[in-house]
Amino acid sequence: MREFFALCWRVSYRHLSIYRQDLFANMAPTLIDPIMFIVAFGLGLGSYVGSVENRNYMHYMAPGLAVTTALFTAFFETSYGFYVRMKYERIYDAVLTTPVGVDELIGGEFLWVGIKGAIMSTGVSFVMLAFGLVHPNYLFLIPFLGFCIAIACGSLGFIASSMVNNINQFQTVYALLISPLFFFSGVFYPIEKLPKIAQFFSSLSPLYHGVKIGQQVLWGGHIAHVLSFNAPILLCMCLVLAIFAYKKIRPIIYL
């Protein structure tokens, strides 16, 4: 088991080494996009919107934008990134000639996605903190939350990678799956205001539960409820999606 995790880390460290070679260019879009949402919607639309759950609109959006960073980070890494490494660069063919086996390879991919999601969510949270939009009391929980969201949402990217016939088809997955997850997860308005059927489908999203947790964590609210209700659901979704993704991508890595 110790050797398994050591080899998984080797795979993750390989990705980290490549990523940090152009660190600013890689991180800038992830950090800047939430700021643009805050400026465009918070200052613009927010001036026309009254308080949302007793908070001004910028304060309401900030936690959701911080944690949804893990969604985009994970999906693009496990869809475009994974697909390019597998089909075009043939990185995995080379990796599998080393002591790393397919299980360690997949484990390393999941570990890298989780770490990346944790780092990005935490980074955006600190940016929001600098703007005075979030509360620092429970900020230490954000890396764990970002990791879980990244694993769950990254699993969707892996599943998509196992099903697409070419790289252009990820655009369809993004339009039909990732965008709805983003817009119907409670980031921009309370889901409770939607029709019951929409609330039901939103509750099936791991991002919805991640946003619920992130809001209470970064608002400095009462976190006992979300940790006892939403957190176990998110963890179960992580496990189920990760197992399903593993079963889907394991055969195609050999192709």
C-alpha atoms as a PDB file:
ATOM      1  CA  MET A   1       0.000   0.000   0.000  1.00  0.00           C
ATOM      2  CA  ARG A   2       2.847   2.370   0.832  1.00  0.00           C
ATOM      3  CA  GLU A   3       4.404   1.714  -2.580  1.00  0.00           C
ATOM      4  CA  PHE A   4       1.033   2.306  -4.265  1.00  0.00           C
ATOM      5  CA  PHE A   5       0.686   5.775  -2.761  1.00  0.00           C
ATOM      6  CA  ALA A   6       4.331   6.568  -3.456  1.00  0.00           C
ATOM      7  CA  LEU A   7       3.826   5.792  -7.157  1.00  0.00           C
ATOM      8  CA  CYS A   8       0.563   7.771  -7.238  1.00  0.00           C
ATOM      9  CA  TRP A   9       2.479  10.736  -5.839  1.00  0.00           C
ATOM     10  CA  ARG A  10       5.122  10.328  -8.541  1.00  0.00           C
ATOM     11  CA  VAL A  11       2.429  10.704 -11.207  1.00  0.00           C
ATOM     12  CA  SER A  12       0.978  13.750  -9.453  1.00  0.00           C
ATOM     13  CA  TYR A  13       4.395  15.289  -8.972  1.00  0.00           C
ATOM     14  CA  ARG A  14       5.103  14.874 -12.680  1.00  0.00           C
ATOM     15  CA  HIS A  15       2.003  16.950 -13.492  1.00  0.00           C
ATOM     16  CA  LEU A  16       2.889  19.513 -10.831  1.00  0.00           C
ATOM     17  CA  SER A  17       6.388  19.894 -12.253  1.00  0.00           C
ATOM     18  CA  ILE A  18       5.012  20.569 -15.727  1.00  0.00           C
ATOM     19  CA  TYR A  19       2.339  22.912 -14.383  1.00  0.00           C
ATOM     20  CA  ARG A  20       4.682  25.142 -12.399  1.00  0.00           C
ATOM     21  CA  GLN A  21       6.977  25.705 -15.372  1.00  0.00           C
ATOM     22  CA  ASP A  22       4.452  28.295 -16.573  1.00  0.00           C
ATOM     23  CA  LEU A  23       2.775  28.954 -13.244  1.00  0.00           C
ATOM     24  CA  PHE A  24       1.497  32.491 -13.783  1.00  0.00           C
ATOM     25  CA  ALA A  25      -0.093  31.735 -17.163  1.00  0.00           C
ATOM     26  CA  ASN A  26      -1.703  28.602 -15.747  1.00  0.00           C
ATOM     27  CA  MET A  27      -3.097  30.210 -12.601  1.00  0.00           C
ATOM     28  CA  ALA A  28      -4.053  33.660 -13.886  1.00  0.00           C
ATOM     29  CA  PRO A  29      -7.348  32.709 -15.613  1.00  0.00           C
ATOM     30  CA  THR A  30      -8.481  30.705 -12.601  1.00  0.00           C
ATOM     31  CA  LEU A  31      -7.867  33.600 -10.235  1.00  0.00           C
ATOM     32  CA  ILE A  32      -9.027  36.399 -12.535  1.00  0.00           C
ATOM     33  CA  ASP A  33     -12.348  34.905 -13.712  1.00  0.00           C
ATOM     34  CA  PRO A  34     -14.019  35.008 -10.250  1.00  0.00           C
ATOM     35  CA  ILE A  35     -12.856  38.596  -9.822  1.00  0.00           C
ATOM     36  CA  MET A  36     -14.470  39.493 -13.143  1.00  0.00           C
ATOM     37  CA  PHE A  37     -17.731  37.897 -11.998  1.00  0.00           C
ATOM     38  CA  ILE A  38     -17.585  39.885  -8.769  1.00  0.00           C
ATOM     39  CA  VAL A  39     -16.942  43.141 -10.631  1.00  0.00           C
ATOM     40  CA  ALA A  40     -19.430  42.577 -13.456  1.00  0.00           C
ATOM     41  CA  PHE A  41     -22.257  41.047 -11.443  1.00  0.00           C
ATOM     42  CA  GLY A  42     -21.528  42.302  -7.945  1.00  0.00           C
ATOM     43  CA  LEU A  43     -20.928  45.946  -8.809  1.00  0.00           C
ATOM     44  CA  GLY A  44     -23.077  45.978 -11.937  1.00  0.00           C
ATOM     45  CA  LEU A  45     -26.091  43.747 -11.376  1.00  0.00           C
ATOM     46  CA  GLY A  46     -25.681  44.037  -7.627  1.00  0.00           C
ATOM     47  CA  SER A  47     -26.593  47.715  -7.746  1.00  0.00           C
ATOM     48  CA  TYR A  48     -30.050  46.671  -9.000  1.00  0.00           C
ATOM     49  CA  VAL A  49     -30.460  43.710  -6.663  1.00  0.00           C
ATOM     50  CA  GLY A  50     -31.440  44.068  -3.040  1.00  0.00           C
ATOM     51  CA  SER A  51     -30.003  41.923  -0.283  1.00  0.00           C
ATOM     52  CA  VAL A  52     -29.891  38.175  -0.865  1.00  0.00           C
ATOM     53  CA  GLU A  53     -30.260  36.170   2.347  1.00  0.00           C
ATOM     54  CA  ASN A  54     -29.504  39.382   4.258  1.00  0.00           C
ATOM     55  CA  ARG A  55     -26.232  39.963   2.386  1.00  0.00           C
ATOM     56  CA  ASN A  56     -25.345  42.285  -0.447  1.00  0.00           C
ATOM     57  CA  TYR A  57     -24.935  40.570  -3.776  1.00  0.00           C
ATOM     58  CA  MET A  58     -21.131  40.570  -3.833  1.00  0.00           C
ATOM     59  CA  HIS A  59     -20.953  38.937  -0.414  1.00  0.00           C
ATOM     60  CA  TYR A  60     -23.551  36.396  -1.472  1.00  0.00           C
ATOM     61  CA  MET A  61     -21.685  35.346  -4.638  1.00  0.00           C
ATOM     62  CA  ALA A  62     -18.158  35.249  -3.236  1.00  0.00           C
ATOM     63  CA  PRO A  63     -18.183  31.813  -1.510  1.00  0.00           C
ATOM     64  CA  GLY A  64     -19.835  30.093  -4.451  1.00  0.00           C
ATOM     65  CA  LEU A  65     -17.362  31.547  -6.920  1.00  0.00           C
ATOM     66  CA  ALA A  66     -14.470  30.411  -4.719  1.00  0.00           C
ATOM     67  CA  VAL A  67     -15.562  26.787  -4.506  1.00  0.00           C
ATOM     68  CA  THR A  68     -16.773  26.495  -8.102  1.00  0.00           C
ATOM     69  CA  THR A  69     -13.182  27.171  -9.103  1.00  0.00           C
ATOM     70  CA  ALA A  70     -12.639  23.502  -8.256  1.00  0.00           C
ATOM     71  CA  LEU A  71     -15.343  22.516 -10.776  1.00  0.00           C
ATOM     72  CA  PHE A  72     -13.669  24.190 -13.734  1.00  0.00           C
ATOM     73  CA  THR A  73     -10.157  23.283 -12.626  1.00  0.00           C
ATOM     74  CA  ALA A  74     -11.075  19.619 -12.292  1.00  0.00           C
ATOM     75  CA  PHE A  75     -13.221  19.292 -15.394  1.00  0.00           C
ATOM     76  CA  PHE A  76     -10.714  20.853 -17.783  1.00  0.00           C
ATOM     77  CA  GLU A  77      -7.894  18.819 -16.258  1.00  0.00           C
ATOM     78  CA  THR A  78      -9.726  15.493 -16.585  1.00  0.00           C
ATOM     79  CA  SER A  79     -11.272  16.185 -19.972  1.00  0.00           C
ATOM     80  CA  TYR A  80      -8.993  18.186 -22.271  1.00  0.00           C
ATOM     81  CA  GLY A  81      -5.858  17.668 -20.184  1.00  0.00           C
ATOM     82  CA  PHE A  82      -6.309  13.943 -19.676  1.00  0.00           C
ATOM     83  CA  TYR A  83      -7.405  13.377 -23.276  1.00  0.00           C
ATOM     84  CA  VAL A  84      -4.420  15.243 -24.736  1.00  0.00           C
ATOM     85  CA  ARG A  85      -1.976  13.369 -22.530  1.00  0.00           C
ATOM     86  CA  MET A  86      -3.553  10.075 -23.501  1.00  0.00           C
ATOM     87  CA  LYS A  87      -4.324  10.466 -27.215  1.00  0.00           C
ATOM     88  CA  TYR A  88      -1.920  13.065 -28.562  1.00  0.00           C
ATOM     89  CA  GLU A  89       1.130  13.202 -26.321  1.00  0.00           C
ATOM     90  CA  ARG A  90       0.954   9.475 -25.456  1.00  0.00           C
ATOM     91  CA  ILE A  91       2.304  10.286 -22.003  1.00  0.00           C
ATOM     92  CA  TYR A  92       0.656   7.278 -20.432  1.00  0.00           C
ATOM     93  CA  ASP A  93       2.351   4.870 -22.828  1.00  0.00           C
ATOM     94  CA  ALA A  94       5.666   6.100 -21.461  1.00  0.00           C
ATOM     95  CA  VAL A  95       4.517   6.127 -17.839  1.00  0.00           C
ATOM     96  CA  LEU A  96       3.362   2.524 -18.035  1.00  0.00           C
ATOM     97  CA  THR A  97       6.848   1.393 -19.069  1.00  0.00           C
ATOM     98  CA  THR A  98       8.016   2.402 -15.569  1.00  0.00           C
ATOM     99  CA  PRO A  99       7.095   0.661 -12.284  1.00  0.00           C
ATOM    100  CA  VAL A 100       3.853   2.707 -12.364  1.00  0.00           C
ATOM    101  CA  GLY A 101       0.889   0.489 -13.226  1.00  0.00           C
ATOM    102  CA  VAL A 102      -2.507   1.546 -14.499  1.00  0.00           C
ATOM    103  CA  ASP A 103      -4.032   1.684 -10.999  1.00  0.00           C
ATOM    104  CA  GLU A 104      -1.223   3.904  -9.728  1.00  0.00           C
ATOM    105  CA  LEU A 105      -1.571   6.040 -12.839  1.00  0.00           C
ATOM    106  CA  ILE A 106      -5.282   6.585 -12.270  1.00  0.00           C
ATOM    107  CA  GLY A 107      -4.703   7.145  -8.566  1.00  0.00           C
ATOM    108  CA  GLY A 108      -2.083   9.745  -9.403  1.00  0.00           C
ATOM    109  CA  GLU A 109      -4.455  11.500 -11.774  1.00  0.00           C
ATOM    110  CA  PHE A 110      -7.125  11.707  -9.081  1.00  0.00           C
ATOM    111  CA  LEU A 111      -4.590  12.907  -6.530  1.00  0.00           C
ATOM    112  CA  TRP A 112      -3.355  15.641  -8.866  1.00  0.00           C
ATOM    113  CA  VAL A 113      -6.890  16.787  -9.656  1.00  0.00           C
ATOM    114  CA  GLY A 114      -7.775  16.930  -5.958  1.00  0.00           C
ATOM    115  CA  ILE A 115      -4.628  18.852  -5.044  1.00  0.00           C
ATOM    116  CA  LYS A 116      -5.123  21.288  -7.897  1.00  0.00           C
ATOM    117  CA  GLY A 117      -8.753  21.893  -6.922  1.00  0.00           C
ATOM    118  CA  ALA A 118      -7.741  22.466  -3.303  1.00  0.00           C
ATOM    119  CA  ILE A 119      -5.030  24.958  -4.263  1.00  0.00           C
ATOM    120  CA  MET A 120      -7.208  26.906  -6.682  1.00  0.00           C
ATOM    121  CA  SER A 121     -10.221  27.135  -4.364  1.00  0.00           C
ATOM    122  CA  THR A 122      -7.991  28.268  -1.528  1.00  0.00           C
ATOM    123  CA  GLY A 123      -6.274  30.832  -3.735  1.00  0.00           C
ATOM    124  CA  VAL A 124      -9.562  32.363  -4.862  1.00  0.00           C
ATOM    125  CA  SER A 125     -10.814  32.349  -1.259  1.00  0.00           C
ATOM    126  CA  PHE A 126      -7.790  34.406  -0.219  1.00  0.00           C
ATOM    127  CA  VAL A 127      -8.485  36.834  -3.055  1.00  0.00           C
ATOM    128  CA  MET A 128     -12.068  37.174  -1.809  1.00  0.00           C
ATOM    129  CA  LEU A 129     -10.724  37.641   1.719  1.00  0.00           C
ATOM    130  CA  ALA A 130      -8.459  40.443   0.493  1.00  0.00           C
ATOM    131  CA  PHE A 131     -11.547  42.186  -0.905  1.00  0.00           C
ATOM    132  CA  GLY A 132     -13.296  41.740   2.445  1.00  0.00           C
ATOM    133  CA  LEU A 133     -15.995  39.506   0.947  1.00  0.00           C
ATOM    134  CA  VAL A 134     -15.515  36.381   3.081  1.00  0.00           C
ATOM    135  CA  HIS A 135     -14.852  35.583   6.728  1.00  0.00           C
ATOM    136  CA  PRO A 136     -11.535  33.982   7.750  1.00  0.00           C
ATOM    137  CA  ASN A 137     -12.715  31.875  10.719  1.00  0.00           C
ATOM    138  CA  TYR A 138     -13.214  28.600   8.850  1.00  0.00           C
ATOM    139  CA  LEU A 139     -10.972  29.290   5.869  1.00  0.00           C
ATOM    140  CA  PHE A 140      -8.816  26.289   6.807  1.00  0.00           C
ATOM    141  CA  LEU A 141     -11.666  24.013   5.644  1.00  0.00           C
ATOM    142  CA  ILE A 142     -11.570  25.277   2.059  1.00  0.00           C
ATOM    143  CA  PRO A 143      -8.646  23.077   0.867  1.00  0.00           C
ATOM    144  CA  PHE A 144     -10.545  19.979   1.995  1.00  0.00           C
ATOM    145  CA  LEU A 145     -13.734  21.202   0.343  1.00  0.00           C
ATOM    146  CA  GLY A 146     -11.911  22.087  -2.878  1.00  0.00           C
ATOM    147  CA  PHE A 147     -10.295  18.640  -2.909  1.00  0.00           C
ATOM    148  CA  CYS A 148     -13.664  16.872  -2.578  1.00  0.00           C
ATOM    149  CA  ILE A 149     -15.390  19.005  -5.211  1.00  0.00           C
ATOM    150  CA  ALA A 150     -12.474  18.465  -7.585  1.00  0.00           C
ATOM    151  CA  ILE A 151     -12.629  14.681  -7.161  1.00  0.00           C
ATOM    152  CA  ALA A 152     -16.395  14.587  -7.755  1.00  0.00           C
ATOM    153  CA  CYS A 153     -16.431  17.005 -10.694  1.00  0.00           C
ATOM    154  CA  GLY A 154     -13.155  15.664 -12.071  1.00  0.00           C
ATOM    155  CA  SER A 155     -14.786  12.242 -12.205  1.00  0.00           C
ATOM    156  CA  LEU A 156     -17.323  13.720 -14.625  1.00  0.00           C
ATOM    157  CA  GLY A 157     -14.455  14.796 -16.859  1.00  0.00           C
ATOM    158  CA  PHE A 158     -12.906  11.317 -16.743  1.00  0.00           C
ATOM    159  CA  ILE A 159     -16.268   9.756 -17.631  1.00  0.00           C
ATOM    160  CA  ALA A 160     -16.630  12.178 -20.532  1.00  0.00           C
ATOM    161  CA  SER A 161     -13.089  11.317 -21.705  1.00  0.00           C
ATOM    162  CA  SER A 162     -14.064   7.656 -21.850  1.00  0.00           C
ATOM    163  CA  MET A 163     -17.098   8.393 -24.028  1.00  0.00           C
ATOM    164  CA  VAL A 164     -16.076  11.079 -26.535  1.00  0.00           C
ATOM    165  CA  ASN A 165     -14.846  10.173 -30.006  1.00  0.00           C
ATOM    166  CA  ASN A 166     -12.788  13.313 -30.491  1.00  0.00           C
ATOM    167  CA  ILE A 167     -11.657  16.290 -28.456  1.00  0.00           C
ATOM    168  CA  ASN A 168     -14.251  18.661 -29.948  1.00  0.00           C
ATOM    169  CA  GLN A 169     -17.060  16.735 -28.263  1.00  0.00           C
ATOM    170  CA  PHE A 170     -15.999  18.081 -24.871  1.00  0.00           C
ATOM    171  CA  GLN A 171     -17.690  21.323 -25.899  1.00  0.00           C
ATOM    172  CA  THR A 172     -21.018  19.512 -25.888  1.00  0.00           C
ATOM    173  CA  VAL A 173     -20.326  18.036 -22.465  1.00  0.00           C
ATOM    174  CA  TYR A 174     -19.434  21.473 -21.166  1.00  0.00           C
ATOM    175  CA  ALA A 175     -22.583  23.057 -22.597  1.00  0.00           C
ATOM    176  CA  LEU A 176     -25.003  20.355 -21.473  1.00  0.00           C
ATOM    177  CA  LEU A 177     -23.483  19.357 -18.135  1.00  0.00           C
ATOM    178  CA  ILE A 178     -20.871  21.709 -16.683  1.00  0.00           C
ATOM    179  CA  SER A 179     -22.630  24.999 -17.438  1.00  0.00           C
ATOM    180  CA  PRO A 180     -25.924  23.851 -15.838  1.00  0.00           C
ATOM    181  CA  LEU A 181     -23.992  22.650 -12.786  1.00  0.00           C
ATOM    182  CA  PHE A 182     -22.434  26.092 -12.483  1.00  0.00           C
ATOM    183  CA  PHE A 183     -25.566  28.169 -12.987  1.00  0.00           C
ATOM    184  CA  PHE A 184     -27.937  25.977 -10.952  1.00  0.00           C
ATOM    185  CA  SER A 185     -25.767  25.319  -7.907  1.00  0.00           C
ATOM    186  CA  GLY A 186     -26.772  28.291  -5.765  1.00  0.00           C
ATOM    187  CA  VAL A 187     -23.836  30.547  -6.647  1.00  0.00           C
ATOM    188  CA  PHE A 188     -25.921  33.397  -8.031  1.00  0.00           C
ATOM    189  CA  TYR A 189     -29.245  32.937  -6.222  1.00  0.00           C
ATOM    190  CA  PRO A 190     -30.777  30.598  -3.641  1.00  0.00           C
ATOM    191  CA  ILE A 191     -31.895  27.359  -5.249  1.00  0.00           C
ATOM    192  CA  GLU A 192     -34.846  27.331  -2.855  1.00  0.00           C
ATOM    193  CA  LYS A 193     -36.474  30.008  -5.016  1.00  0.00           C
ATOM    194  CA  LEU A 194     -36.651  27.648  -8.014  1.00  0.00           C
ATOM    195  CA  PRO A 195     -39.523  25.238  -8.785  1.00  0.00           C
ATOM    196  CA  LYS A 196     -39.439  21.985  -6.819  1.00  0.00           C
ATOM    197  CA  ILE A 197     -38.345  19.916  -9.823  1.00  0.00           C
ATOM    198  CA  ALA A 198     -35.377  22.233 -10.416  1.00  0.00           C
ATOM    199  CA  GLN A 199     -34.470  22.032  -6.724  1.00  0.00           C
ATOM    200  CA  PHE A 200     -34.507  18.247  -6.931  1.00  0.00           C
ATOM    201  CA  PHE A 201     -32.167  18.094  -9.923  1.00  0.00           C
ATOM    202  CA  SER A 202     -29.868  20.696  -8.354  1.00  0.00           C
ATOM    203  CA  SER A 203     -29.612  18.572  -5.213  1.00  0.00           C
ATOM    204  CA  LEU A 204     -28.214  15.726  -7.343  1.00  0.00           C
ATOM    205  CA  SER A 205     -25.157  17.831  -8.164  1.00  0.00           C
ATOM    206  CA  PRO A 206     -22.017  17.528  -6.024  1.00  0.00           C
ATOM    207  CA  LEU A 207     -21.358  21.192  -6.715  1.00  0.00           C
ATOM    208  CA  TYR A 208     -24.661  22.182  -5.096  1.00  0.00           C
ATOM    209  CA  HIS A 209     -23.626  20.553  -1.828  1.00  0.00           C
ATOM    210  CA  GLY A 210     -20.130  22.003  -2.164  1.00  0.00           C
ATOM    211  CA  VAL A 211     -21.557  25.502  -2.578  1.00  0.00           C
ATOM    212  CA  LYS A 212     -23.828  25.012   0.434  1.00  0.00           C
ATOM    213  CA  ILE A 213     -20.828  24.059   2.555  1.00  0.00           C
ATOM    214  CA  GLY A 214     -18.640  26.803   1.097  1.00  0.00           C
ATOM    215  CA  GLN A 215     -21.204  29.489   1.809  1.00  0.00           C
ATOM    216  CA  GLN A 216     -21.437  28.692   5.505  1.00  0.00           C
ATOM    217  CA  VAL A 217     -17.665  28.199   5.778  1.00  0.00           C
ATOM    218  CA  LEU A 218     -16.776  31.498   4.102  1.00  0.00           C
ATOM    219  CA  TRP A 219     -19.624  33.470   5.622  1.00  0.00           C
ATOM    220  CA  GLY A 220     -18.420  32.343   9.034  1.00  0.00           C
ATOM    221  CA  GLY A 221     -21.876  30.932   9.659  1.00  0.00           C
ATOM    222  CA  HIS A 222     -23.186  27.925  11.519  1.00  0.00           C
ATOM    223  CA  ILE A 223     -21.313  25.078   9.870  1.00  0.00           C
ATOM    224  CA  ALA A 224     -22.635  22.236  12.006  1.00  0.00           C
ATOM    225  CA  HIS A 225     -25.656  21.642   9.768  1.00  0.00           C
ATOM    226  CA  VAL A 226     -23.783  21.595   6.452  1.00  0.00           C
ATOM    227  CA  LEU A 227     -21.031  19.412   7.890  1.00  0.00           C
ATOM    228  CA  SER A 228     -23.569  16.923   9.205  1.00  0.00           C
ATOM    229  CA  PHE A 229     -25.891  16.961   6.176  1.00  0.00           C
ATOM    230  CA  ASN A 230     -24.257  18.263   2.982  1.00  0.00           C
ATOM    231  CA  ALA A 231     -20.728  17.025   3.703  1.00  0.00           C
ATOM    232  CA  PRO A 232     -21.652  13.306   3.957  1.00  0.00           C
ATOM    233  CA  ILE A 233     -23.671  13.586   0.733  1.00  0.00           C
ATOM    234  CA  LEU A 234     -20.734  15.215  -1.039  1.00  0.00           C
ATOM    235  CA  LEU A 235     -18.352  12.525   0.216  1.00  0.00           C
ATOM    236  CA  CYS A 236     -20.705   9.759  -0.979  1.00  0.00           C
ATOM    237  CA  MET A 237     -20.962  11.415  -4.387  1.00  0.00           C
ATOM    238  CA  CYS A 238     -17.159  11.634  -4.544  1.00  0.00           C
ATOM    239  CA  LEU A 239     -16.835   7.929  -3.831  1.00  0.00           C
ATOM    240  CA  VAL A 240     -19.531   6.781  -6.256  1.00  0.00           C
ATOM    241  CA  LEU A 241     -18.403   9.032  -9.111  1.00  0.00           C
ATOM    242  CA  ALA A 242     -14.725   8.206  -8.594  1.00  0.00           C
ATOM    243  CA  ILE A 243     -15.384   4.444  -8.664  1.00  0.00           C
ATOM    244  CA  PHE A 244     -17.520   4.777 -11.795  1.00  0.00           C
ATOM    245  CA  ALA A 245     -14.909   6.995 -13.460  1.00  0.00           C
ATOM    246  CA  TYR A 246     -12.163   4.493 -12.575  1.00  0.00           C
ATOM    247  CA  LYS A 247     -14.096   1.677 -14.219  1.00  0.00           C
ATOM    248  CA  LYS A 248     -14.699   3.781 -17.339  1.00  0.00           C
ATOM    249  CA  ILE A 249     -11.158   5.060 -17.923  1.00  0.00           C
ATOM    250  CA  ARG A 250      -9.165   2.008 -16.909  1.00  0.00           C
ATOM    251  CA  PRO A 251      -9.835   0.129 -20.187  1.00  0.00           C
ATOM    252  CA  ILE A 252      -9.161   3.109 -22.476  1.00  0.00           C
ATOM    253  CA  ILE A 253      -5.707   3.854 -21.033  1.00  0.00           C
ATOM    254  CA  TYR A 254      -4.497   0.648 -22.674  1.00  0.00           C
ATOM    255  CA  LEU A 255      -5.773   1.728 -26.114  1.00  0.00           C
END
